[in-house]
N, C-alpha and C. Protein backbone atom coordinates (compact mmCIF):
# COMPACT_ATOMS: atom_id res chain seq x y z
N MET A 1 -76.52 -67.44 31.43
CA MET A 1 -76.26 -66.73 30.20
C MET A 1 -77.39 -66.99 29.19
N GLU A 2 -77.86 -68.23 29.15
CA GLU A 2 -78.95 -68.58 28.23
C GLU A 2 -80.23 -67.85 28.62
N GLU A 3 -80.45 -67.71 29.92
CA GLU A 3 -81.65 -67.00 30.38
C GLU A 3 -81.58 -65.52 29.96
N LEU A 4 -80.41 -64.92 30.08
CA LEU A 4 -80.23 -63.54 29.67
C LEU A 4 -80.45 -63.39 28.17
N ASP A 5 -79.94 -64.33 27.40
CA ASP A 5 -80.12 -64.30 25.95
C ASP A 5 -81.60 -64.41 25.58
N ALA A 6 -82.32 -65.27 26.25
CA ALA A 6 -83.76 -65.43 25.99
C ALA A 6 -84.52 -64.15 26.35
N ARG A 7 -84.15 -63.52 27.47
CA ARG A 7 -84.82 -62.28 27.86
C ARG A 7 -84.53 -61.15 26.87
N LEU A 8 -83.27 -61.07 26.40
CA LEU A 8 -82.92 -60.05 25.42
C LEU A 8 -83.67 -60.27 24.11
N LYS A 9 -83.78 -61.51 23.69
CA LYS A 9 -84.49 -61.82 22.45
C LYS A 9 -85.96 -61.45 22.57
N ALA A 10 -86.57 -61.74 23.69
CA ALA A 10 -87.98 -61.41 23.91
C ALA A 10 -88.17 -59.89 23.93
N LEU A 11 -87.23 -59.18 24.54
CA LEU A 11 -87.33 -57.72 24.59
C LEU A 11 -87.17 -57.12 23.20
N ARG A 12 -86.25 -57.66 22.40
CA ARG A 12 -86.07 -57.17 21.03
C ARG A 12 -87.34 -57.38 20.20
N GLU A 13 -87.95 -58.54 20.32
CA GLU A 13 -89.17 -58.82 19.56
C GLU A 13 -90.31 -57.92 20.02
N GLU A 14 -90.31 -57.58 21.30
CA GLU A 14 -91.36 -56.72 21.83
C GLU A 14 -91.21 -55.28 21.34
N THR A 15 -89.97 -54.78 21.34
CA THR A 15 -89.75 -53.39 20.95
C THR A 15 -89.65 -53.22 19.44
N HIS A 16 -89.14 -54.22 18.72
CA HIS A 16 -88.99 -54.16 17.27
C HIS A 16 -89.64 -55.40 16.66
N PRO A 17 -90.97 -55.36 16.45
CA PRO A 17 -91.62 -56.54 15.88
C PRO A 17 -91.08 -56.82 14.48
N PRO A 18 -91.05 -58.08 14.09
CA PRO A 18 -90.54 -58.40 12.76
C PRO A 18 -91.39 -57.76 11.68
N GLU A 19 -90.74 -57.32 10.61
CA GLU A 19 -91.46 -56.67 9.52
C GLU A 19 -92.30 -57.71 8.78
N GLN A 20 -93.55 -57.37 8.59
CA GLN A 20 -94.45 -58.27 7.88
C GLN A 20 -94.84 -57.70 6.53
N ALA A 21 -94.26 -56.56 6.18
CA ALA A 21 -94.60 -55.92 4.92
C ALA A 21 -93.94 -56.66 3.76
N THR A 22 -94.70 -56.85 2.71
CA THR A 22 -94.15 -57.49 1.52
C THR A 22 -93.41 -56.46 0.68
N GLY A 23 -92.75 -56.90 -0.36
CA GLY A 23 -92.04 -55.99 -1.24
C GLY A 23 -92.96 -54.97 -1.87
N ALA A 24 -94.17 -55.39 -2.25
CA ALA A 24 -95.13 -54.46 -2.87
C ALA A 24 -95.56 -53.39 -1.88
N THR A 25 -95.74 -53.77 -0.61
CA THR A 25 -96.13 -52.79 0.40
C THR A 25 -95.02 -51.79 0.62
N ARG A 26 -93.77 -52.26 0.65
CA ARG A 26 -92.64 -51.35 0.83
C ARG A 26 -92.55 -50.37 -0.33
N GLU A 27 -92.77 -50.85 -1.55
CA GLU A 27 -92.72 -49.96 -2.70
C GLU A 27 -93.84 -48.92 -2.64
N ALA A 28 -95.02 -49.34 -2.21
CA ALA A 28 -96.13 -48.40 -2.09
C ALA A 28 -95.83 -47.36 -1.03
N MET A 29 -95.24 -47.78 0.08
CA MET A 29 -94.88 -46.84 1.13
C MET A 29 -93.80 -45.89 0.65
N SER A 30 -92.87 -46.38 -0.17
CA SER A 30 -91.83 -45.53 -0.71
C SER A 30 -92.45 -44.45 -1.59
N GLY A 31 -93.42 -44.82 -2.41
CA GLY A 31 -94.13 -43.85 -3.24
C GLY A 31 -94.91 -42.86 -2.41
N LEU A 32 -95.52 -43.35 -1.34
CA LEU A 32 -96.27 -42.48 -0.44
C LEU A 32 -95.33 -41.50 0.26
N ASN A 33 -94.17 -41.99 0.66
CA ASN A 33 -93.18 -41.10 1.29
C ASN A 33 -92.75 -40.00 0.33
N THR A 34 -92.53 -40.37 -0.93
CA THR A 34 -92.14 -39.38 -1.94
C THR A 34 -93.25 -38.36 -2.14
N ALA A 35 -94.48 -38.82 -2.19
CA ALA A 35 -95.62 -37.90 -2.37
C ALA A 35 -95.73 -36.93 -1.20
N PHE A 36 -95.57 -37.42 0.02
CA PHE A 36 -95.61 -36.54 1.19
C PHE A 36 -94.45 -35.56 1.17
N ARG A 37 -93.28 -36.01 0.74
CA ARG A 37 -92.11 -35.12 0.67
C ARG A 37 -92.37 -34.00 -0.33
N ILE A 38 -92.89 -34.36 -1.50
CA ILE A 38 -93.15 -33.36 -2.53
C ILE A 38 -94.19 -32.35 -2.06
N GLY A 39 -95.27 -32.84 -1.48
CA GLY A 39 -96.31 -31.94 -0.98
C GLY A 39 -95.81 -31.04 0.13
N THR A 40 -95.01 -31.59 1.03
CA THR A 40 -94.47 -30.80 2.13
C THR A 40 -93.53 -29.72 1.62
N GLU A 41 -92.68 -30.06 0.65
CA GLU A 41 -91.74 -29.08 0.12
C GLU A 41 -92.47 -27.94 -0.58
N LEU A 42 -93.53 -28.25 -1.31
CA LEU A 42 -94.29 -27.21 -1.99
C LEU A 42 -94.98 -26.28 -0.99
N VAL A 43 -95.62 -26.86 0.00
CA VAL A 43 -96.33 -26.05 1.00
C VAL A 43 -95.34 -25.24 1.84
N ALA A 44 -94.21 -25.84 2.20
CA ALA A 44 -93.22 -25.13 3.01
C ALA A 44 -92.66 -23.93 2.26
N ALA A 45 -92.38 -24.09 0.97
CA ALA A 45 -91.86 -22.97 0.17
C ALA A 45 -92.89 -21.84 0.09
N LEU A 46 -94.15 -22.20 -0.06
CA LEU A 46 -95.20 -21.17 -0.09
C LEU A 46 -95.33 -20.45 1.25
N ILE A 47 -95.26 -21.20 2.33
CA ILE A 47 -95.38 -20.60 3.66
C ILE A 47 -94.22 -19.64 3.92
N VAL A 48 -93.01 -20.07 3.57
CA VAL A 48 -91.85 -19.20 3.77
C VAL A 48 -91.96 -17.94 2.91
N GLY A 49 -92.36 -18.10 1.67
CA GLY A 49 -92.51 -16.94 0.79
C GLY A 49 -93.56 -15.97 1.27
N VAL A 50 -94.72 -16.47 1.62
CA VAL A 50 -95.81 -15.60 2.09
C VAL A 50 -95.43 -14.97 3.42
N GLY A 51 -94.82 -15.75 4.30
CA GLY A 51 -94.41 -15.20 5.60
C GLY A 51 -93.39 -14.09 5.45
N ALA A 52 -92.40 -14.30 4.61
CA ALA A 52 -91.38 -13.26 4.39
C ALA A 52 -92.01 -12.02 3.76
N GLY A 53 -92.88 -12.21 2.79
CA GLY A 53 -93.54 -11.07 2.16
C GLY A 53 -94.41 -10.31 3.14
N TYR A 54 -95.14 -11.02 3.97
CA TYR A 54 -96.01 -10.36 4.94
C TYR A 54 -95.19 -9.56 5.95
N LEU A 55 -94.13 -10.18 6.48
CA LEU A 55 -93.31 -9.48 7.47
C LEU A 55 -92.62 -8.26 6.87
N LEU A 56 -92.12 -8.39 5.66
CA LEU A 56 -91.49 -7.24 5.01
C LEU A 56 -92.51 -6.14 4.72
N ASP A 57 -93.71 -6.52 4.32
CA ASP A 57 -94.77 -5.53 4.10
C ASP A 57 -95.11 -4.77 5.39
N GLN A 58 -95.20 -5.51 6.49
CA GLN A 58 -95.50 -4.86 7.77
C GLN A 58 -94.37 -3.92 8.19
N TRP A 59 -93.14 -4.33 7.95
CA TRP A 59 -91.98 -3.55 8.37
C TRP A 59 -91.80 -2.30 7.50
N LEU A 60 -91.98 -2.48 6.18
CA LEU A 60 -91.74 -1.38 5.25
C LEU A 60 -92.99 -0.60 4.89
N GLY A 61 -94.17 -1.11 5.23
CA GLY A 61 -95.41 -0.43 4.93
C GLY A 61 -95.76 -0.43 3.45
N THR A 62 -95.45 -1.52 2.77
CA THR A 62 -95.69 -1.60 1.32
C THR A 62 -96.81 -2.57 0.98
N ALA A 63 -97.67 -2.91 1.95
CA ALA A 63 -98.70 -3.92 1.75
C ALA A 63 -99.51 -3.62 0.49
N PRO A 64 -99.89 -4.57 -0.27
CA PRO A 64 -99.62 -6.01 -0.29
C PRO A 64 -98.55 -6.41 -1.30
N TRP A 65 -97.74 -5.47 -1.77
CA TRP A 65 -96.87 -5.74 -2.92
C TRP A 65 -95.79 -6.77 -2.63
N LEU A 66 -95.13 -6.70 -1.49
CA LEU A 66 -94.09 -7.68 -1.21
C LEU A 66 -94.70 -9.06 -0.91
N LEU A 67 -95.88 -9.07 -0.32
CA LEU A 67 -96.56 -10.34 -0.08
C LEU A 67 -96.85 -11.04 -1.40
N ILE A 68 -97.35 -10.30 -2.37
CA ILE A 68 -97.64 -10.88 -3.69
C ILE A 68 -96.36 -11.34 -4.38
N THR A 69 -95.32 -10.50 -4.31
CA THR A 69 -94.05 -10.84 -4.94
C THR A 69 -93.45 -12.10 -4.33
N PHE A 70 -93.41 -12.15 -3.00
CA PHE A 70 -92.81 -13.31 -2.34
C PHE A 70 -93.69 -14.55 -2.45
N PHE A 71 -95.00 -14.37 -2.63
CA PHE A 71 -95.86 -15.53 -2.91
C PHE A 71 -95.42 -16.21 -4.20
N PHE A 72 -95.21 -15.41 -5.23
CA PHE A 72 -94.78 -16.00 -6.51
C PHE A 72 -93.36 -16.56 -6.43
N LEU A 73 -92.48 -15.90 -5.68
CA LEU A 73 -91.14 -16.45 -5.49
C LEU A 73 -91.19 -17.78 -4.74
N GLY A 74 -92.02 -17.85 -3.71
CA GLY A 74 -92.18 -19.10 -2.95
C GLY A 74 -92.79 -20.20 -3.80
N ALA A 75 -93.77 -19.82 -4.64
CA ALA A 75 -94.38 -20.82 -5.53
C ALA A 75 -93.35 -21.33 -6.53
N GLY A 76 -92.53 -20.43 -7.07
CA GLY A 76 -91.48 -20.86 -7.99
C GLY A 76 -90.47 -21.76 -7.32
N ALA A 77 -90.06 -21.42 -6.11
CA ALA A 77 -89.12 -22.26 -5.37
C ALA A 77 -89.74 -23.62 -5.06
N GLY A 78 -91.01 -23.63 -4.69
CA GLY A 78 -91.68 -24.91 -4.42
C GLY A 78 -91.78 -25.78 -5.65
N ILE A 79 -92.10 -25.18 -6.79
CA ILE A 79 -92.20 -25.96 -8.03
C ILE A 79 -90.83 -26.48 -8.43
N LEU A 80 -89.78 -25.69 -8.22
CA LEU A 80 -88.42 -26.15 -8.50
C LEU A 80 -88.05 -27.33 -7.59
N ASN A 81 -88.42 -27.25 -6.32
CA ASN A 81 -88.16 -28.37 -5.40
C ASN A 81 -88.93 -29.62 -5.81
N VAL A 82 -90.17 -29.45 -6.25
CA VAL A 82 -90.96 -30.59 -6.71
C VAL A 82 -90.31 -31.22 -7.93
N TYR A 83 -89.84 -30.39 -8.87
CA TYR A 83 -89.16 -30.90 -10.06
C TYR A 83 -87.91 -31.67 -9.67
N ARG A 84 -87.13 -31.11 -8.76
CA ARG A 84 -85.90 -31.78 -8.33
C ARG A 84 -86.21 -33.11 -7.64
N ALA A 85 -87.22 -33.14 -6.81
CA ALA A 85 -87.57 -34.37 -6.10
C ALA A 85 -88.11 -35.42 -7.07
N ALA A 86 -88.92 -34.99 -8.03
CA ALA A 86 -89.52 -35.93 -8.97
C ALA A 86 -88.49 -36.48 -9.96
N SER A 87 -87.51 -35.67 -10.33
CA SER A 87 -86.52 -36.14 -11.31
C SER A 87 -85.32 -36.79 -10.64
N GLY A 88 -85.24 -36.73 -9.33
CA GLY A 88 -84.14 -37.37 -8.62
C GLY A 88 -82.91 -36.50 -8.48
N ILE A 89 -82.99 -35.24 -8.88
CA ILE A 89 -81.85 -34.34 -8.72
C ILE A 89 -81.68 -34.04 -7.23
N GLY A 90 -80.46 -34.13 -6.77
CA GLY A 90 -80.19 -33.86 -5.37
C GLY A 90 -80.20 -35.12 -4.52
N THR A 91 -80.53 -36.26 -5.10
CA THR A 91 -80.50 -37.50 -4.35
C THR A 91 -79.27 -38.33 -4.68
N MET A 92 -78.47 -37.86 -5.62
CA MET A 92 -77.26 -38.58 -6.00
C MET A 92 -76.17 -38.33 -4.97
N SER A 93 -75.21 -39.23 -4.89
CA SER A 93 -74.15 -39.07 -3.92
C SER A 93 -73.08 -38.12 -4.40
N GLY A 94 -72.94 -37.93 -5.70
CA GLY A 94 -71.93 -37.03 -6.24
C GLY A 94 -72.53 -36.16 -7.32
N LEU A 95 -71.89 -35.07 -7.61
CA LEU A 95 -72.38 -34.17 -8.64
C LEU A 95 -71.62 -34.41 -9.93
N PRO A 96 -72.27 -34.26 -11.08
CA PRO A 96 -71.55 -34.42 -12.34
C PRO A 96 -70.55 -33.29 -12.54
N ARG A 97 -69.56 -33.56 -13.37
CA ARG A 97 -68.56 -32.53 -13.66
C ARG A 97 -69.18 -31.45 -14.53
N LYS A 98 -68.44 -30.39 -14.72
CA LYS A 98 -68.96 -29.25 -15.48
C LYS A 98 -69.32 -29.62 -16.91
N ASN A 99 -68.57 -30.53 -17.52
CA ASN A 99 -68.86 -30.90 -18.90
C ASN A 99 -69.97 -31.95 -19.00
N GLY A 100 -70.55 -32.34 -17.89
CA GLY A 100 -71.67 -33.26 -17.90
C GLY A 100 -71.28 -34.71 -17.71
N ASP A 101 -69.99 -35.03 -17.75
CA ASP A 101 -69.55 -36.41 -17.56
C ASP A 101 -69.60 -36.77 -16.09
N GLU A 102 -69.93 -38.00 -15.84
CA GLU A 102 -69.92 -38.49 -14.48
C GLU A 102 -68.47 -38.79 -14.09
N PRO A 103 -68.12 -38.63 -12.81
CA PRO A 103 -66.76 -38.96 -12.39
C PRO A 103 -66.44 -40.42 -12.70
N GLY A 104 -65.27 -40.64 -13.25
CA GLY A 104 -64.82 -42.00 -13.52
C GLY A 104 -65.28 -42.55 -14.84
N ASP A 105 -65.93 -41.76 -15.71
CA ASP A 105 -66.40 -42.28 -16.98
C ASP A 105 -65.26 -42.75 -17.88
N ASP A 106 -64.15 -42.00 -17.87
CA ASP A 106 -63.05 -42.33 -18.76
C ASP A 106 -61.93 -43.07 -18.04
N GLY A 107 -62.11 -43.38 -16.78
CA GLY A 107 -61.09 -44.08 -16.02
C GLY A 107 -60.01 -43.17 -15.49
N LYS A 108 -60.05 -41.91 -15.84
CA LYS A 108 -59.04 -40.96 -15.37
C LYS A 108 -59.61 -40.17 -14.19
N ARG A 109 -58.71 -39.65 -13.41
CA ARG A 109 -59.12 -38.85 -12.25
C ARG A 109 -58.65 -37.42 -12.46
N ASP A 110 -59.42 -36.50 -11.93
CA ASP A 110 -59.01 -35.11 -11.99
C ASP A 110 -58.03 -34.82 -10.86
N PRO A 111 -57.08 -33.92 -11.10
CA PRO A 111 -56.20 -33.52 -9.99
C PRO A 111 -57.04 -32.88 -8.89
N GLY A 112 -56.72 -33.24 -7.68
CA GLY A 112 -57.42 -32.63 -6.55
C GLY A 112 -58.66 -33.38 -6.13
N ASP A 113 -58.98 -34.51 -6.76
CA ASP A 113 -60.18 -35.23 -6.34
C ASP A 113 -59.87 -36.23 -5.23
N GLY A 114 -58.61 -36.26 -4.76
CA GLY A 114 -58.26 -37.11 -3.66
C GLY A 114 -57.95 -38.54 -4.04
N MET A 115 -57.94 -38.84 -5.31
CA MET A 115 -57.68 -40.21 -5.77
C MET A 115 -56.27 -40.26 -6.36
N PRO A 116 -55.56 -41.36 -6.10
CA PRO A 116 -54.22 -41.48 -6.67
C PRO A 116 -54.29 -41.67 -8.18
N HIS A 117 -53.29 -41.17 -8.86
CA HIS A 117 -53.24 -41.27 -10.31
C HIS A 117 -52.36 -42.43 -10.73
N LYS A 118 -52.66 -42.99 -11.90
CA LYS A 118 -51.83 -44.03 -12.46
C LYS A 118 -50.55 -43.39 -12.98
N LYS A 119 -49.51 -44.18 -13.02
CA LYS A 119 -48.25 -43.67 -13.54
C LYS A 119 -48.43 -43.36 -15.03
N GLY A 120 -47.84 -42.26 -15.46
CA GLY A 120 -47.89 -41.88 -16.85
C GLY A 120 -49.07 -41.00 -17.21
N GLU A 121 -49.92 -40.67 -16.25
CA GLU A 121 -51.06 -39.80 -16.54
C GLU A 121 -50.79 -38.41 -16.07
């Protein structure tokens, strides 16, 4: 059993080397990941917009008007995605209520939120 444990430990170390990154390196990688995400979302929105405009132009014979229109729509969507990613919108686990309050701010629950209510409420 000890031999099997030693072999498993050696295999784990071989396939998953221990992390040697410091906290500062992890933070830098997190920032780099965010930068790549933002750049990818912007480029992807532009590609989808231009692609849709081009295909519609070819199908309807309206070149280049739909291509230009969808380019600007794709650019707007990409900029909106960049804004959302940079401000942290869409990364929260829950959405705020319509009046802007976060769930649970007043200690009360809304009917239908799946949480039991206190007696007398």
